[in-house]
Amino acid sequence: MSAEKLAAAKLWLTASPGEGQRVGCGDMPYLAVAVYAMSTVPTTGVATCTIDHRWRLYVNPNWLDEVPVQELAVALAHCVWHVLSDHAARAESMQVGTREAASWHAAADVCLAALLTEAGLPHDLVSAADLQLPPGRSVEEYYAMLGRLALGQPPEVDAEGSGDEPDSSCGSGCDGLPRRYEVPDVDEAAGMVGLAEADRIRQAVAIAYRGHVTDRGTEPGGAWRWTEQVLESTVSWQQVLAASVRRSVAAVTGTVDYTYARPSRRRSALPNVILPGMRRPLPSVAVVVDTSGSVDDELLAQALAEVEGTLRGLGVAGARLKVLACDAAVHAVATVSRVTEVQLAGGGGTDMRVGIATAQKLRPTPEVIVVLSDGYTAWPEEPVPGVAVVAGLLGRRQSVLPPTPSWMVRVECVDGR
């Protein structure tokens, strides 16, 4: 089996285009952790490739030799979205058996067709429009709709693989029904992804997807709704906010500089020469706090505490941390060791453009600006040059949070009440 072709397909799928490029790769880097978590099992028991409920990819070697790299990459995306969407467990909860599996597969593929189309990948899956079904529904809803369509009784899925024909379904990763060619589930089976690990992979993909959408300025779609389900049930907004702040800080701390304040570790090799050491400077961070009357004070306090804990964990404190209290104007700028020390004056209207512009004029100029606001404000039309901006939007579960510019990192800090 061509391991090189599989590696090329994974790379094509998860690579992002270079500057000025629009085509030439899948541009789905958020899938990387999931795609590389799949283990590969060669078998002639499948027609092309399938996935089981423990993230093992079954590939027909003959098909692999013939299929183009891009088509293989789309097939990998198809398979990995089945396990990311946890279709197997959801099929079990719907009591899907061999007689119902074909309808379940069709419903699941309708959902995946929307995801692949949204990502710009060419595919041959049947869409909701092809079946005259409404868009944006769950696999369970499509399954119920397909069961009511007068399409005749769908063929029974040969889950045991007792027939002569290789399996042309998506595998147990879609319907939860084990196949004969699949590796048995035993303790520490080779290549098996456990339930806890699968949840961690889903969380990582969901967070990475949100960052990708923000970077690309993409309109949220079906994949975004999937991230809401994953993150709402398994990851608090505090974790998402902390991860976004850490990622923004990391993006601007990749450079190093020479310093004579710290001797080089190589000084013993040249005892008569003074060699400078290396240091990785920590960035200056500004936190712009919306103190207008519409902001939820309790949520604001929680978000401030989360940002403070994250920055302190990264070593950003003291002279490198400034907090600005802002509504329609900036009322206070403070250099603090703890963000809770700042006096949050204000209470009028809201214009975060003023707060961001004031933060830009600080010396040293901050490399990261964190804005905590309810979002009901005007925003700068253009990206802030050389500065990573994280917008933490504060709201309650029933509130509809307003849009933010696509160049910002957006985190919805939504309370459960």
Protein backbone atom coordinates (compact mmCIF):
# COMPACT_ATOMS: atom_id res chain seq x y z
CA MET A 1 0.00 0.00 0.00
CA SER A 2 1.25 3.48 -0.90
CA ALA A 3 2.01 5.14 2.41
CA GLU A 4 3.49 8.04 0.45
CA LYS A 5 0.19 8.72 -1.32
CA LEU A 6 -1.71 8.67 2.00
CA ALA A 7 0.82 11.09 3.49
CA ALA A 8 0.49 13.35 0.44
CA ALA A 9 -3.32 13.34 0.71
CA LYS A 10 -3.22 14.23 4.41
CA LEU A 11 -0.78 17.04 3.72
CA TRP A 12 -2.88 18.35 0.82
CA LEU A 13 -6.01 18.32 2.96
CA THR A 14 -4.55 20.10 6.00
CA ALA A 15 -2.18 22.54 4.25
CA SER A 16 -3.07 26.21 3.89
CA PRO A 17 -2.37 28.17 0.69
CA GLY A 18 0.64 30.43 0.56
CA GLU A 19 0.34 34.18 0.34
CA GLY A 20 -1.60 35.17 -2.77
CA GLN A 21 -2.73 31.60 -3.48
CA ARG A 22 -6.35 30.53 -3.52
CA VAL A 23 -6.13 26.95 -4.72
CA GLY A 24 -3.72 24.06 -4.59
CA CYS A 25 -4.62 22.54 -1.22
CA GLY A 26 -7.55 21.68 1.00
CA ASP A 27 -6.98 24.59 3.43
CA MET A 28 -8.42 22.61 6.36
CA PRO A 29 -5.57 22.82 8.92
CA TYR A 30 -8.07 22.48 11.76
CA LEU A 31 -8.56 18.83 10.75
CA ALA A 32 -4.88 17.96 11.16
CA VAL A 33 -5.08 16.52 14.68
CA ALA A 34 -8.05 14.34 13.66
CA VAL A 35 -6.66 13.23 10.29
CA TYR A 36 -3.34 12.19 11.79
CA ALA A 37 -5.10 10.40 14.66
CA MET A 38 -6.56 7.86 12.23
CA SER A 39 -4.57 4.64 11.88
CA THR A 40 -4.58 2.82 8.53
CA VAL A 41 -5.51 -0.83 7.97
CA PRO A 42 -5.15 -2.26 4.42
CA THR A 43 -7.93 -4.63 3.38
CA THR A 44 -9.70 -5.84 0.27
CA GLY A 45 -12.89 -6.07 2.32
CA VAL A 46 -13.76 -2.48 1.34
CA ALA A 47 -14.36 -1.01 -2.09
CA THR A 48 -12.51 2.25 -1.39
CA CYS A 49 -12.02 3.33 2.23
CA THR A 50 -14.13 3.22 5.36
CA ILE A 51 -13.74 4.26 9.00
CA ASP A 52 -14.67 2.36 12.14
CA HIS A 53 -15.97 3.80 15.39
CA ARG A 54 -12.46 3.70 16.89
CA TRP A 55 -10.91 5.92 14.18
CA ARG A 56 -9.25 3.13 12.17
CA LEU A 57 -9.19 3.81 8.44
CA TYR A 58 -9.65 0.73 6.23
CA VAL A 59 -8.22 1.21 2.74
CA ASN A 60 -8.34 -1.02 -0.31
CA PRO A 61 -4.72 -1.09 -1.61
CA ASN A 62 -5.85 -1.54 -5.23
CA TRP A 63 -8.08 1.52 -5.05
CA LEU A 64 -5.33 3.47 -3.33
CA ASP A 65 -2.93 2.79 -6.19
CA GLU A 66 -5.37 4.27 -8.72
CA VAL A 67 -7.07 7.14 -6.89
CA PRO A 68 -5.70 10.70 -7.40
CA VAL A 69 -4.28 12.42 -4.32
CA GLN A 70 -6.97 15.11 -4.21
CA GLU A 71 -9.80 12.57 -4.45
CA LEU A 72 -8.15 10.56 -1.69
CA ALA A 73 -7.93 13.68 0.46
CA VAL A 74 -11.68 14.30 0.05
CA ALA A 75 -12.36 10.68 1.03
CA LEU A 76 -10.24 11.18 4.17
CA ALA A 77 -12.20 14.32 5.04
CA HIS A 78 -15.44 12.38 4.53
CA CYS A 79 -14.32 9.59 6.84
CA VAL A 80 -12.90 11.79 9.56
CA TRP A 81 -16.06 13.93 9.73
CA HIS A 82 -18.07 10.77 10.46
CA VAL A 83 -16.06 10.14 13.63
CA LEU A 84 -15.79 13.82 14.53
CA SER A 85 -19.59 13.99 14.33
CA ASP A 86 -19.83 10.82 16.47
CA HIS A 87 -22.29 9.31 13.99
CA ALA A 88 -21.74 5.79 15.38
CA ALA A 89 -22.87 6.64 18.91
CA ARG A 90 -25.75 8.72 17.59
CA ALA A 91 -26.86 5.80 15.39
CA GLU A 92 -26.83 3.55 18.45
CA SER A 93 -29.00 6.03 20.35
CA MET A 94 -31.45 5.94 17.42
CA GLN A 95 -31.41 2.10 17.49
CA VAL A 96 -30.14 1.89 13.92
CA GLY A 97 -29.80 -1.74 12.80
CA THR A 98 -28.86 -3.40 9.54
CA ARG A 99 -32.27 -2.61 8.00
CA GLU A 100 -32.08 1.07 8.91
CA ALA A 101 -28.36 1.58 8.29
CA ALA A 102 -28.71 2.57 4.61
CA SER A 103 -31.11 5.39 5.50
CA TRP A 104 -28.80 6.48 8.32
CA HIS A 105 -25.83 6.52 5.94
CA ALA A 106 -27.78 8.66 3.49
CA ALA A 107 -28.77 11.09 6.25
CA ALA A 108 -25.21 11.32 7.55
CA ASP A 109 -23.81 11.91 4.07
CA VAL A 110 -26.32 14.71 3.48
CA CYS A 111 -24.85 16.46 6.53
CA LEU A 112 -21.29 15.80 5.38
CA ALA A 113 -22.06 17.02 1.86
CA ALA A 114 -22.85 20.42 3.35
CA LEU A 115 -19.62 20.44 5.37
CA LEU A 116 -17.45 19.50 2.38
CA THR A 117 -19.18 22.04 0.14
CA GLU A 118 -18.73 24.70 2.79
CA ALA A 119 -15.00 23.89 2.89
CA GLY A 120 -14.75 24.15 -0.90
CA LEU A 121 -13.96 20.45 -1.48
CA PRO A 122 -15.35 18.75 -4.60
CA HIS A 123 -17.37 15.62 -3.79
CA ASP A 124 -20.06 13.33 -5.16
CA LEU A 125 -22.21 13.07 -2.03
CA VAL A 126 -25.96 13.63 -2.37
CA SER A 127 -26.96 16.99 -0.91
CA ALA A 128 -30.12 18.09 0.88
CA ALA A 129 -31.12 20.05 -2.21
CA ASP A 130 -30.76 16.92 -4.37
CA LEU A 131 -33.29 15.16 -2.12
CA GLN A 132 -35.49 18.28 -1.81
CA LEU A 133 -34.81 18.43 1.91
CA PRO A 134 -34.35 21.62 3.97
CA PRO A 135 -30.74 22.67 4.63
CA GLY A 136 -28.98 22.85 7.97
CA ARG A 137 -30.74 19.99 9.78
CA SER A 138 -29.19 17.32 12.01
CA VAL A 139 -28.51 13.76 10.93
CA GLU A 140 -31.34 12.59 13.19
CA GLU A 141 -33.78 14.95 11.46
CA TYR A 142 -32.68 13.87 7.98
CA TYR A 143 -32.95 10.24 9.05
CA ALA A 144 -36.56 10.79 10.12
CA MET A 145 -37.33 12.65 6.88
CA LEU A 146 -35.76 9.97 4.70
CA GLY A 147 -37.78 7.32 6.52
CA ARG A 148 -40.97 9.09 5.46
CA LEU A 149 -39.98 9.49 1.78
CA ALA A 150 -41.65 7.13 -0.66
CA LEU A 151 -38.36 5.76 -2.00
CA GLY A 152 -39.04 2.12 -1.36
CA GLN A 153 -37.35 -0.05 1.24
CA PRO A 154 -33.58 0.67 1.25
CA PRO A 155 -31.32 -2.36 0.95
CA GLU A 156 -30.19 -3.98 4.16
CA VAL A 157 -26.56 -3.26 5.05
CA ASP A 158 -24.41 -6.39 5.16
CA ALA A 159 -22.65 -5.42 8.39
CA GLU A 160 -21.10 -8.87 8.80
CA GLY A 161 -19.51 -8.72 5.36
CA SER A 162 -20.64 -12.23 4.51
CA GLY A 163 -21.27 -11.41 0.84
CA ASP A 164 -18.80 -11.60 -2.00
CA GLU A 165 -18.80 -7.86 -2.72
CA PRO A 166 -16.47 -5.54 -0.76
CA ASP A 167 -18.13 -3.09 1.62
CA SER A 168 -19.14 0.11 -0.16
CA SER A 169 -20.63 1.82 2.91
CA CYS A 170 -18.81 4.24 5.22
CA GLY A 171 -18.12 1.60 7.89
CA SER A 172 -19.02 1.34 11.56
CA GLY A 173 -17.74 4.88 12.07
CA CYS A 174 -21.04 5.95 10.54
CA ASP A 175 -23.59 3.43 11.83
CA GLY A 176 -21.84 1.69 14.77
CA LEU A 177 -22.36 -1.77 13.26
CA PRO A 178 -19.07 -3.75 13.31
CA ARG A 179 -17.85 -5.30 10.04
CA ARG A 180 -16.10 -8.62 9.69
CA TYR A 181 -12.97 -7.00 8.22
CA GLU A 182 -12.65 -4.51 11.08
CA VAL A 183 -10.09 -4.93 13.86
CA PRO A 184 -11.85 -6.28 16.99
CA ASP A 185 -12.23 -3.91 19.92
CA VAL A 186 -10.01 -5.32 22.63
CA ASP A 187 -8.05 -3.57 25.35
CA GLU A 188 -5.20 -1.57 23.84
CA ALA A 189 -6.01 -2.70 20.29
CA ALA A 190 -3.56 -1.35 17.74
CA GLY A 191 -4.45 2.10 16.47
CA MET A 192 -7.64 2.35 18.52
CA VAL A 193 -8.74 5.83 19.63
CA GLY A 194 -10.50 5.63 22.98
CA LEU A 195 -13.60 7.58 23.94
CA ALA A 196 -11.75 10.12 26.11
CA GLU A 197 -9.11 10.69 23.44
CA ALA A 198 -11.83 11.11 20.79
CA ASP A 199 -13.46 13.83 22.90
CA ARG A 200 -10.13 15.62 23.26
CA ILE A 201 -9.60 15.48 19.50
CA ARG A 202 -13.08 16.92 18.88
CA GLN A 203 -12.38 19.76 21.29
CA ALA A 204 -9.04 20.53 19.62
CA VAL A 205 -10.61 20.52 16.14
CA ALA A 206 -13.51 22.72 17.29
CA ILE A 207 -11.20 25.34 18.80
CA ALA A 208 -8.86 25.23 15.79
CA TYR A 209 -11.81 25.60 13.40
CA ARG A 210 -13.01 28.73 15.18
CA GLY A 211 -9.57 30.26 14.88
CA HIS A 212 -9.45 29.30 11.18
CA VAL A 213 -12.84 30.86 10.44
CA THR A 214 -11.76 34.07 12.17
CA ASP A 215 -8.48 34.22 10.25
CA ARG A 216 -10.22 33.63 6.91
CA GLY A 217 -13.22 35.87 7.56
CA THR A 218 -15.47 32.95 6.67
CA GLU A 219 -19.20 33.04 7.36
CA PRO A 220 -20.06 30.44 10.04
CA GLY A 221 -21.97 27.43 8.70
CA GLY A 222 -22.57 23.78 9.53
CA ALA A 223 -19.09 23.23 10.92
CA TRP A 224 -19.55 26.22 13.23
CA ARG A 225 -22.80 24.72 14.54
CA TRP A 226 -20.88 21.49 15.18
CA THR A 227 -18.29 23.43 17.22
CA GLU A 228 -21.09 24.96 19.29
CA GLN A 229 -22.34 21.49 20.18
CA VAL A 230 -18.84 20.23 21.02
CA LEU A 231 -17.71 23.27 22.99
CA GLU A 232 -21.01 23.88 24.75
CA SER A 233 -21.04 20.36 26.15
CA THR A 234 -17.34 19.81 26.84
CA VAL A 235 -15.41 23.09 26.89
CA SER A 236 -16.25 26.21 28.86
CA TRP A 237 -15.88 29.63 27.29
CA GLN A 238 -13.16 30.28 29.86
CA GLN A 239 -11.04 27.56 28.25
CA VAL A 240 -11.68 28.92 24.75
CA LEU A 241 -10.80 32.47 25.85
CA ALA A 242 -7.63 31.28 27.54
CA ALA A 243 -6.60 29.25 24.48
CA SER A 244 -7.22 32.23 22.19
CA VAL A 245 -5.14 34.56 24.36
CA ARG A 246 -2.32 32.01 24.58
CA ARG A 247 -2.37 31.50 20.80
CA SER A 248 -2.25 35.25 20.16
CA VAL A 249 0.64 35.74 22.59
CA ALA A 250 2.49 32.79 21.08
CA ALA A 251 2.10 34.25 17.59
CA VAL A 252 4.06 37.36 18.55
CA THR A 253 6.69 35.73 20.76
CA GLY A 254 8.33 33.57 18.15
CA THR A 255 11.32 35.88 17.75
CA VAL A 256 14.47 35.90 19.88
CA ASP A 257 17.08 38.54 20.48
CA TYR A 258 20.68 38.77 21.76
CA THR A 259 21.40 40.07 25.25
CA TYR A 260 24.64 40.58 27.23
CA ALA A 261 22.66 40.51 30.48
CA ARG A 262 22.57 36.74 30.16
CA PRO A 263 25.90 35.08 29.25
CA SER A 264 25.93 32.58 26.43
CA ARG A 265 25.87 28.89 27.32
CA ARG A 266 28.77 28.46 24.93
CA ARG A 267 31.09 30.74 26.91
CA SER A 268 33.14 27.76 28.14
CA ALA A 269 34.25 27.04 24.56
CA LEU A 270 35.68 30.57 24.19
CA PRO A 271 36.69 31.64 27.71
CA ASN A 272 38.38 34.87 26.53
CA VAL A 273 35.41 36.06 24.46
CA ILE A 274 32.23 37.56 25.89
CA LEU A 275 29.34 36.03 23.98
CA PRO A 276 25.78 37.31 24.29
CA GLY A 277 23.01 34.98 25.32
CA MET A 278 19.59 34.66 23.77
CA ARG A 279 16.28 35.81 25.17
CA ARG A 280 12.71 35.51 24.02
CA PRO A 281 11.06 38.84 24.87
CA LEU A 282 7.55 38.68 26.29
CA PRO A 283 5.00 40.89 24.55
CA SER A 284 3.32 43.95 25.93
CA VAL A 285 -0.41 43.30 26.40
CA ALA A 286 -3.27 45.78 26.71
CA VAL A 287 -6.69 44.84 28.03
CA VAL A 288 -9.50 47.17 26.90
CA VAL A 289 -12.48 46.81 29.23
CA ASP A 290 -15.95 47.96 28.16
CA THR A 291 -17.42 49.79 31.15
CA SER A 292 -20.62 50.94 29.44
CA GLY A 293 -23.91 50.49 31.23
CA SER A 294 -24.97 47.54 29.06
CA VAL A 295 -22.12 45.25 30.09
CA ASP A 296 -22.83 42.43 32.53
CA ASP A 297 -20.56 43.15 35.51
CA GLU A 298 -20.52 39.54 36.72
CA LEU A 299 -19.45 38.21 33.33
CA LEU A 300 -16.90 41.00 33.00
CA ALA A 301 -15.34 40.01 36.33
CA GLN A 302 -15.14 36.36 35.23
CA ALA A 303 -13.54 37.29 31.90
CA LEU A 304 -11.03 39.62 33.58
CA ALA A 305 -10.05 36.89 36.00
CA GLU A 306 -9.57 34.40 33.15
CA VAL A 307 -7.44 36.80 31.11
CA GLU A 308 -5.37 37.66 34.17
CA GLY A 309 -4.73 34.01 35.02
CA THR A 310 -3.77 33.20 31.44
CA LEU A 311 -1.35 36.13 31.13
CA ARG A 312 0.24 35.48 34.49
CA GLY A 313 0.75 31.87 33.49
CA LEU A 314 2.58 33.13 30.40
CA GLY A 315 4.75 35.46 32.48
CA VAL A 316 3.06 38.64 31.21
CA ALA A 317 2.57 40.97 34.15
CA GLY A 318 3.82 44.18 35.69
CA ALA A 319 5.16 46.72 33.18
CA ARG A 320 4.02 44.59 30.26
CA LEU A 321 0.30 44.68 31.18
CA LYS A 322 -1.92 47.74 30.80
CA VAL A 323 -5.67 47.96 31.37
CA LEU A 324 -7.88 50.62 29.80
CA ALA A 325 -11.40 51.38 31.05
CA CYS A 326 -13.49 52.57 28.12
CA ASP A 327 -17.09 53.25 27.18
CA ALA A 328 -17.49 56.05 24.61
CA ALA A 329 -14.15 57.43 25.84
CA VAL A 330 -11.14 56.11 27.71
CA HIS A 331 -11.50 56.98 31.40
CA ALA A 332 -8.45 55.26 32.86
CA VAL A 333 -5.18 53.74 31.71
CA ALA A 334 -3.33 51.80 34.37
CA THR A 335 -0.16 49.73 34.47
CA VAL A 336 -1.03 47.02 36.94
CA SER A 337 0.30 43.76 38.29
CA ARG A 338 -3.25 42.43 38.55
CA VAL A 339 -6.08 43.45 36.24
CA THR A 340 -8.48 43.68 39.16
CA GLU A 341 -6.53 46.67 40.49
CA VAL A 342 -7.80 48.97 37.73
CA GLN A 343 -10.60 51.40 38.49
CA LEU A 344 -13.37 50.66 35.98
CA ALA A 345 -14.76 54.14 35.51
CA GLY A 346 -17.43 54.92 32.93
CA GLY A 347 -20.96 53.70 32.38
CA GLY A 348 -22.11 55.65 29.33
CA GLY A 349 -22.23 54.66 25.65
CA THR A 350 -19.86 52.33 23.86
CA ASP A 351 -17.10 52.87 21.28
CA MET A 352 -14.32 50.32 21.43
CA ARG A 353 -12.58 52.05 18.51
CA VAL A 354 -11.47 54.69 20.99
CA GLY A 355 -10.10 52.10 23.41
CA ILE A 356 -8.20 50.23 20.70
CA ALA A 357 -6.81 53.45 19.22
CA THR A 358 -5.64 54.59 22.67
CA ALA A 359 -4.03 51.21 23.29
CA GLN A 360 -2.12 51.54 20.00
CA LYS A 361 -0.57 54.80 21.25
CA LEU A 362 0.77 53.28 24.45
CA ARG A 363 4.52 52.92 24.87
CA PRO A 364 5.68 50.30 24.43
CA THR A 365 3.09 49.56 21.77
CA PRO A 366 1.20 46.40 22.77
CA GLU A 367 1.60 43.36 20.55
CA VAL A 368 -1.67 41.87 21.86
CA ILE A 369 -4.91 43.71 22.66
CA VAL A 370 -7.69 41.87 24.49
CA VAL A 371 -11.09 43.60 24.29
CA LEU A 372 -13.83 42.57 26.73
CA SER A 373 -17.20 43.98 25.62
CA ASP A 374 -20.82 43.05 24.98
CA GLY A 375 -20.05 43.80 21.33
CA TYR A 376 -22.63 46.54 20.86
CA THR A 377 -20.07 48.98 19.57
CA ALA A 378 -18.41 50.23 16.44
CA TRP A 379 -15.17 48.42 15.57
CA PRO A 380 -12.15 49.53 13.55
CA GLU A 381 -12.71 48.82 9.87
CA GLU A 382 -9.12 47.77 9.21
CA PRO A 383 -6.86 45.36 11.11
CA VAL A 384 -4.54 46.87 13.68
CA PRO A 385 -1.05 46.72 12.11
CA GLY A 386 1.30 44.37 13.93
CA VAL A 387 -1.17 43.70 16.75
CA ALA A 388 -3.20 40.57 17.51
CA VAL A 389 -6.69 41.50 18.75
CA VAL A 390 -8.84 39.11 20.79
CA ALA A 391 -12.48 40.14 21.27
CA GLY A 392 -14.20 38.49 24.22
CA LEU A 393 -17.94 39.09 23.79
CA LEU A 394 -19.93 39.00 27.02
CA GLY A 395 -23.55 37.88 27.02
CA ARG A 396 -26.20 35.58 28.41
CA ARG A 397 -27.36 32.36 26.77
CA GLN A 398 -30.52 33.89 25.32
CA SER A 399 -28.76 36.97 23.95
CA VAL A 400 -27.74 37.33 20.30
CA LEU A 401 -24.19 38.62 20.21
CA PRO A 402 -23.43 41.12 17.44
CA PRO A 403 -20.87 40.50 14.69
CA THR A 404 -17.19 41.41 14.96
CA PRO A 405 -14.64 42.10 12.21
CA SER A 406 -13.32 38.95 10.57
CA TRP A 407 -9.70 39.85 11.36
CA MET A 408 -10.28 39.64 15.10
CA VAL A 409 -10.13 36.48 17.17
CA ARG A 410 -13.71 36.19 18.44
CA VAL A 411 -14.60 34.37 21.66
CA GLU A 412 -18.20 34.28 22.92
CA CYS A 413 -18.18 34.42 26.71
CA VAL A 414 -21.76 33.30 27.24
CA ASP A 415 -23.13 32.54 30.70
CA GLY A 416 -25.37 29.50 31.06
CA ARG A 417 -28.26 31.35 32.65
